[in-house]
Amino acid sequence: MMHGSTTVFTVKDVMTSLAYYRDKLGFDVAFEYGTPTFYVGLCSGDVTLHLVAASRTPRQPGHGGVCIFVDDVDTLHAELTKRGANVLKAPANYDYGLRDFDVADLDGNMIFFGMEIPKT
C-alpha cells in the first residue's frame, strides 16, 4: 500500500535553489545532506520536495513538475508575488475543475498551485 510521495527536482545550484524555495516560496528546510551539500529536503504542511544537484545525477535540471493542492489559491498567489517568486500567470478557473496558477523555480522546474472549483 502506498502512503505518500516526494517530488525530487534536479537543480544547478542546490544552495541557491534552497534559498529560493525558502525565501520566495515559503518552504521550510527539513534537512541538508552532503559535504558540500548536494541534496536538500523542503516541506510546507504535508508537502515535501527534495532538490538534488545536477552534478550528482544524470537527470538534467529544469525538467520537473508538480501540482500542489492548497486551501486558497488567490491568497497564496498574492503572498508568492509579494515574496518575489517567479509567478508565470495569475490564478484562473479551468474546465478541468481547478483554479490554479504556475510558478517556475530558478532552473525552470514547474510548480502548479491549485484548488478545486466548487461544483455548481
N, C-alpha and C. Protein backbone atom coordinates (compact mmCIF):
# COMPACT_ATOMS: atom_id res chain seq x y z
N MET A 1 0.84 -1.18 0.00
CA MET A 1 0.00 0.00 0.00
C MET A 1 0.88 1.24 0.00
N MET A 2 0.51 2.23 -0.78
CA MET A 2 1.28 3.48 -0.87
C MET A 2 0.80 4.46 0.19
N HIS A 3 1.76 5.22 0.73
CA HIS A 3 1.43 6.14 1.82
C HIS A 3 1.80 7.58 1.54
N GLY A 4 2.57 7.86 0.54
CA GLY A 4 2.98 9.23 0.27
C GLY A 4 4.04 9.25 -0.80
N SER A 5 4.43 10.45 -1.16
CA SER A 5 5.49 10.59 -2.16
C SER A 5 6.21 11.91 -1.96
N THR A 6 7.37 12.00 -2.54
CA THR A 6 8.15 13.23 -2.52
C THR A 6 8.64 13.49 -3.94
N THR A 7 8.44 14.69 -4.41
CA THR A 7 8.95 15.09 -5.71
C THR A 7 10.40 15.52 -5.55
N VAL A 8 11.27 15.07 -6.47
CA VAL A 8 12.68 15.45 -6.45
C VAL A 8 12.97 16.25 -7.71
N PHE A 9 13.40 17.49 -7.53
CA PHE A 9 13.78 18.35 -8.64
C PHE A 9 15.30 18.39 -8.75
N THR A 10 15.80 18.31 -9.98
CA THR A 10 17.22 18.49 -10.25
C THR A 10 17.46 19.98 -10.47
N VAL A 11 18.47 20.52 -9.80
CA VAL A 11 18.78 21.94 -9.88
C VAL A 11 20.28 22.12 -10.10
N LYS A 12 20.65 23.25 -10.67
CA LYS A 12 22.06 23.53 -10.94
C LYS A 12 22.83 23.82 -9.66
N ASP A 13 22.25 24.65 -8.78
CA ASP A 13 22.92 25.08 -7.56
C ASP A 13 21.98 24.85 -6.38
N VAL A 14 22.26 23.82 -5.61
CA VAL A 14 21.36 23.41 -4.52
C VAL A 14 21.15 24.52 -3.49
N MET A 15 22.22 25.18 -3.08
CA MET A 15 22.08 26.18 -2.01
C MET A 15 21.34 27.43 -2.49
N THR A 16 21.56 27.83 -3.73
CA THR A 16 20.82 28.97 -4.28
C THR A 16 19.35 28.60 -4.42
N SER A 17 19.08 27.37 -4.88
CA SER A 17 17.70 26.91 -5.01
C SER A 17 17.04 26.76 -3.65
N LEU A 18 17.77 26.26 -2.66
CA LEU A 18 17.24 26.16 -1.30
C LEU A 18 16.76 27.53 -0.83
N ALA A 19 17.57 28.56 -1.04
CA ALA A 19 17.21 29.92 -0.63
C ALA A 19 15.95 30.39 -1.36
N TYR A 20 15.81 30.07 -2.65
CA TYR A 20 14.63 30.46 -3.42
C TYR A 20 13.38 29.78 -2.85
N TYR A 21 13.46 28.49 -2.62
CA TYR A 21 12.29 27.77 -2.10
C TYR A 21 11.93 28.25 -0.69
N ARG A 22 12.93 28.55 0.11
CA ARG A 22 12.68 29.04 1.47
C ARG A 22 12.15 30.48 1.46
N ASP A 23 12.86 31.37 0.78
CA ASP A 23 12.56 32.80 0.86
C ASP A 23 11.44 33.26 -0.06
N LYS A 24 11.35 32.67 -1.24
CA LYS A 24 10.35 33.12 -2.23
C LYS A 24 9.09 32.27 -2.21
N LEU A 25 9.21 30.96 -1.95
CA LEU A 25 8.05 30.07 -1.99
C LEU A 25 7.56 29.68 -0.60
N GLY A 26 8.30 30.02 0.44
CA GLY A 26 7.82 29.80 1.80
C GLY A 26 8.00 28.40 2.36
N PHE A 27 8.86 27.58 1.76
CA PHE A 27 9.11 26.24 2.29
C PHE A 27 10.07 26.32 3.47
N ASP A 28 9.95 25.36 4.38
CA ASP A 28 10.90 25.19 5.47
C ASP A 28 11.95 24.18 5.04
N VAL A 29 13.15 24.34 5.55
CA VAL A 29 14.23 23.40 5.24
C VAL A 29 14.15 22.25 6.25
N ALA A 30 13.93 21.05 5.77
CA ALA A 30 13.83 19.87 6.64
C ALA A 30 15.21 19.28 6.91
N PHE A 31 16.08 19.24 5.87
CA PHE A 31 17.43 18.71 6.07
C PHE A 31 18.32 19.13 4.91
N GLU A 32 19.61 19.07 5.15
CA GLU A 32 20.65 19.26 4.14
C GLU A 32 21.56 18.04 4.22
N TYR A 33 21.99 17.53 3.06
CA TYR A 33 22.81 16.33 3.05
C TYR A 33 24.03 16.53 2.17
N GLY A 34 25.16 16.00 2.64
CA GLY A 34 26.40 16.02 1.87
C GLY A 34 27.33 17.12 2.31
N THR A 35 28.63 16.92 2.02
CA THR A 35 29.64 17.91 2.30
C THR A 35 30.50 18.09 1.06
N PRO A 36 30.32 19.15 0.29
CA PRO A 36 29.31 20.19 0.48
C PRO A 36 27.90 19.66 0.18
N THR A 37 26.92 20.41 0.62
CA THR A 37 25.53 19.99 0.46
C THR A 37 25.20 19.80 -1.01
N PHE A 38 24.63 18.62 -1.34
CA PHE A 38 24.18 18.37 -2.72
C PHE A 38 22.74 17.87 -2.78
N TYR A 39 22.11 17.71 -1.62
CA TYR A 39 20.73 17.21 -1.57
C TYR A 39 20.05 17.86 -0.38
N VAL A 40 18.85 18.40 -0.60
CA VAL A 40 18.12 19.04 0.50
C VAL A 40 16.66 18.60 0.48
N GLY A 41 16.07 18.62 1.65
CA GLY A 41 14.65 18.35 1.80
C GLY A 41 13.93 19.60 2.26
N LEU A 42 12.78 19.85 1.67
CA LEU A 42 11.97 21.02 1.99
C LEU A 42 10.56 20.56 2.34
N CYS A 43 9.87 21.33 3.16
CA CYS A 43 8.50 20.97 3.48
C CYS A 43 7.66 22.22 3.73
N SER A 44 6.36 22.05 3.51
CA SER A 44 5.36 23.06 3.83
C SER A 44 4.07 22.30 4.09
N GLY A 45 3.61 22.29 5.33
CA GLY A 45 2.45 21.48 5.66
C GLY A 45 2.76 20.02 5.38
N ASP A 46 1.88 19.35 4.65
CA ASP A 46 2.07 17.94 4.30
C ASP A 46 2.84 17.74 2.99
N VAL A 47 3.32 18.82 2.40
CA VAL A 47 4.02 18.75 1.11
C VAL A 47 5.52 18.70 1.36
N THR A 48 6.19 17.74 0.69
CA THR A 48 7.65 17.68 0.75
C THR A 48 8.22 17.72 -0.67
N LEU A 49 9.31 18.42 -0.81
CA LEU A 49 10.07 18.48 -2.06
C LEU A 49 11.53 18.25 -1.71
N HIS A 50 12.23 17.57 -2.59
CA HIS A 50 13.67 17.41 -2.44
C HIS A 50 14.36 18.02 -3.66
N LEU A 51 15.55 18.54 -3.43
CA LEU A 51 16.37 19.11 -4.50
C LEU A 51 17.69 18.36 -4.55
N VAL A 52 18.12 17.99 -5.75
CA VAL A 52 19.40 17.31 -5.91
C VAL A 52 20.24 18.10 -6.93
N ALA A 53 21.52 18.21 -6.64
CA ALA A 53 22.44 18.92 -7.53
C ALA A 53 22.60 18.16 -8.84
N ALA A 54 22.56 18.89 -9.94
CA ALA A 54 22.71 18.27 -11.26
C ALA A 54 24.04 17.53 -11.38
N SER A 55 25.05 17.97 -10.66
CA SER A 55 26.35 17.32 -10.71
C SER A 55 26.35 15.92 -10.09
N ARG A 56 25.26 15.57 -9.37
CA ARG A 56 25.17 14.28 -8.67
C ARG A 56 24.16 13.32 -9.27
N THR A 57 23.59 13.67 -10.42
CA THR A 57 22.58 12.82 -11.05
C THR A 57 22.66 12.96 -12.56
N PRO A 58 22.26 11.95 -13.30
CA PRO A 58 22.24 12.09 -14.76
C PRO A 58 21.05 12.92 -15.26
N ARG A 59 20.09 13.19 -14.40
CA ARG A 59 18.92 13.99 -14.81
C ARG A 59 19.30 15.45 -14.99
N GLN A 60 18.75 16.07 -16.00
CA GLN A 60 19.02 17.47 -16.29
C GLN A 60 18.13 18.39 -15.47
N PRO A 61 18.63 19.55 -15.05
CA PRO A 61 17.81 20.49 -14.28
C PRO A 61 16.70 21.09 -15.14
N GLY A 62 15.62 21.44 -14.48
CA GLY A 62 14.56 22.18 -15.13
C GLY A 62 13.52 21.37 -15.86
N HIS A 63 13.49 20.06 -15.70
CA HIS A 63 12.53 19.23 -16.41
C HIS A 63 11.46 18.64 -15.50
N GLY A 64 11.38 19.11 -14.27
CA GLY A 64 10.41 18.56 -13.32
C GLY A 64 9.15 19.39 -13.22
N GLY A 65 8.14 18.79 -12.63
CA GLY A 65 6.90 19.49 -12.39
C GLY A 65 6.09 18.80 -11.32
N VAL A 66 5.33 19.57 -10.56
CA VAL A 66 4.46 19.03 -9.52
C VAL A 66 3.25 19.95 -9.35
N CYS A 67 2.12 19.35 -9.05
CA CYS A 67 0.91 20.11 -8.73
C CYS A 67 0.68 19.99 -7.23
N ILE A 68 0.57 21.12 -6.56
CA ILE A 68 0.36 21.15 -5.12
C ILE A 68 -1.02 21.76 -4.86
N PHE A 69 -1.84 21.01 -4.13
CA PHE A 69 -3.18 21.48 -3.81
C PHE A 69 -3.13 22.33 -2.55
N VAL A 70 -3.83 23.46 -2.59
CA VAL A 70 -3.82 24.42 -1.49
C VAL A 70 -5.24 24.80 -1.12
N ASP A 71 -5.39 25.45 0.04
CA ASP A 71 -6.71 25.86 0.51
C ASP A 71 -7.22 27.11 -0.19
N ASP A 72 -6.32 28.05 -0.49
CA ASP A 72 -6.73 29.34 -1.05
C ASP A 72 -5.70 29.81 -2.08
N VAL A 73 -5.98 29.54 -3.33
CA VAL A 73 -5.07 29.86 -4.43
C VAL A 73 -4.79 31.37 -4.51
N ASP A 74 -5.81 32.17 -4.36
CA ASP A 74 -5.64 33.61 -4.53
C ASP A 74 -4.76 34.23 -3.44
N THR A 75 -4.95 33.79 -2.20
CA THR A 75 -4.12 34.29 -1.11
C THR A 75 -2.68 33.86 -1.30
N LEU A 76 -2.46 32.59 -1.68
CA LEU A 76 -1.10 32.11 -1.92
C LEU A 76 -0.46 32.85 -3.08
N HIS A 77 -1.20 33.08 -4.15
CA HIS A 77 -0.67 33.82 -5.30
C HIS A 77 -0.20 35.20 -4.86
N ALA A 78 -1.01 35.89 -4.08
CA ALA A 78 -0.64 37.23 -3.61
C ALA A 78 0.62 37.18 -2.74
N GLU A 79 0.71 36.17 -1.87
CA GLU A 79 1.88 36.04 -0.99
C GLU A 79 3.14 35.75 -1.79
N LEU A 80 3.06 34.82 -2.74
CA LEU A 80 4.25 34.47 -3.52
C LEU A 80 4.69 35.61 -4.43
N THR A 81 3.73 36.34 -4.97
CA THR A 81 4.06 37.51 -5.79
C THR A 81 4.79 38.55 -4.95
N LYS A 82 4.28 38.78 -3.74
CA LYS A 82 4.90 39.75 -2.82
C LYS A 82 6.32 39.32 -2.44
N ARG A 83 6.54 38.01 -2.31
CA ARG A 83 7.86 37.49 -1.94
C ARG A 83 8.84 37.55 -3.11
N GLY A 84 8.35 37.77 -4.33
CA GLY A 84 9.23 37.84 -5.49
C GLY A 84 9.43 36.52 -6.21
N ALA A 85 8.52 35.56 -6.00
CA ALA A 85 8.60 34.28 -6.71
C ALA A 85 8.38 34.50 -8.20
N ASN A 86 8.88 33.59 -9.00
CA ASN A 86 8.72 33.66 -10.45
C ASN A 86 7.34 33.11 -10.85
N VAL A 87 6.31 33.92 -10.59
CA VAL A 87 4.93 33.54 -10.89
C VAL A 87 4.69 33.78 -12.38
N LEU A 88 4.27 32.75 -13.10
CA LEU A 88 4.13 32.84 -14.55
C LEU A 88 2.76 33.29 -15.01
N LYS A 89 1.73 33.07 -14.17
CA LYS A 89 0.39 33.51 -14.55
C LYS A 89 -0.46 33.64 -13.30
N ALA A 90 -1.48 34.48 -13.41
CA ALA A 90 -2.41 34.70 -12.30
C ALA A 90 -3.37 33.52 -12.18
N PRO A 91 -3.98 33.36 -11.02
CA PRO A 91 -4.97 32.29 -10.86
C PRO A 91 -6.14 32.47 -11.82
N ALA A 92 -6.62 31.34 -12.32
CA ALA A 92 -7.78 31.32 -13.22
C ALA A 92 -8.51 30.00 -13.02
N ASN A 93 -9.79 30.00 -13.35
CA ASN A 93 -10.60 28.78 -13.31
C ASN A 93 -10.47 28.06 -14.65
N TYR A 94 -10.35 26.73 -14.58
CA TYR A 94 -10.20 25.93 -15.79
C TYR A 94 -11.27 24.85 -15.84
N ASP A 95 -11.61 24.43 -17.05
CA ASP A 95 -12.68 23.45 -17.23
C ASP A 95 -12.32 22.07 -16.71
N TYR A 96 -11.08 21.85 -16.32
CA TYR A 96 -10.72 20.57 -15.70
C TYR A 96 -11.02 20.56 -14.19
N GLY A 97 -11.67 21.63 -13.71
CA GLY A 97 -12.17 21.64 -12.34
C GLY A 97 -11.27 22.27 -11.30
N LEU A 98 -10.20 22.94 -11.74
CA LEU A 98 -9.30 23.59 -10.79
C LEU A 98 -9.18 25.08 -11.06
N ARG A 99 -8.90 25.82 -10.00
CA ARG A 99 -8.43 27.19 -10.10
C ARG A 99 -6.96 27.09 -9.74
N ASP A 100 -6.09 27.51 -10.65
CA ASP A 100 -4.66 27.33 -10.38
C ASP A 100 -3.81 28.42 -11.00
N PHE A 101 -2.53 28.39 -10.63
CA PHE A 101 -1.53 29.28 -11.23
C PHE A 101 -0.19 28.55 -11.25
N ASP A 102 0.74 29.06 -12.06
CA ASP A 102 2.02 28.41 -12.29
C ASP A 102 3.17 29.24 -11.75
N VAL A 103 4.16 28.54 -11.20
CA VAL A 103 5.40 29.15 -10.71
C VAL A 103 6.55 28.33 -11.27
N ALA A 104 7.64 28.99 -11.61
CA ALA A 104 8.86 28.29 -12.03
C ALA A 104 9.95 28.54 -11.00
N ASP A 105 10.81 27.53 -10.80
CA ASP A 105 11.95 27.77 -9.93
C ASP A 105 13.09 28.33 -10.78
N LEU A 106 14.26 28.47 -10.19
CA LEU A 106 15.38 29.11 -10.88
C LEU A 106 15.88 28.33 -12.09
N ASP A 107 15.58 27.02 -12.14
CA ASP A 107 16.03 26.18 -13.25
C ASP A 107 14.93 25.87 -14.26
N GLY A 108 13.71 26.32 -13.98
CA GLY A 108 12.60 26.05 -14.88
C GLY A 108 11.71 24.91 -14.46
N ASN A 109 11.99 24.25 -13.33
CA ASN A 109 11.07 23.25 -12.80
C ASN A 109 9.75 23.96 -12.50
N MET A 110 8.64 23.30 -12.79
CA MET A 110 7.33 23.93 -12.68
C MET A 110 6.58 23.46 -11.44
N ILE A 111 5.96 24.41 -10.76
CA ILE A 111 5.09 24.11 -9.63
C ILE A 111 3.74 24.73 -9.95
N PHE A 112 2.71 23.90 -9.94
CA PHE A 112 1.35 24.34 -10.21
C PHE A 112 0.60 24.29 -8.89
N PHE A 113 0.12 25.44 -8.44
CA PHE A 113 -0.66 25.51 -7.20
C PHE A 113 -2.12 25.60 -7.59
N GLY A 114 -2.95 24.72 -7.01
CA GLY A 114 -4.35 24.71 -7.40
C GLY A 114 -5.29 24.30 -6.29
N MET A 115 -6.57 24.60 -6.52
CA MET A 115 -7.64 24.19 -5.62
C MET A 115 -8.85 23.85 -6.46
N GLU A 116 -9.67 22.93 -5.95
CA GLU A 116 -10.87 22.55 -6.68
C GLU A 116 -11.85 23.72 -6.75
N ILE A 117 -12.52 23.84 -7.88
CA ILE A 117 -13.57 24.84 -8.04
C ILE A 117 -14.85 24.23 -7.48
N PRO A 118 -15.55 24.96 -6.61
CA PRO A 118 -16.81 24.42 -6.09
C PRO A 118 -17.76 24.09 -7.23
N LYS A 119 -18.37 22.91 -7.16
CA LYS A 119 -19.30 22.50 -8.20
C LYS A 119 -20.61 23.27 -8.04
N THR A 120 -21.17 23.68 -9.18
CA THR A 120 -22.42 24.44 -9.13
C THR A 120 -23.61 23.55 -9.43
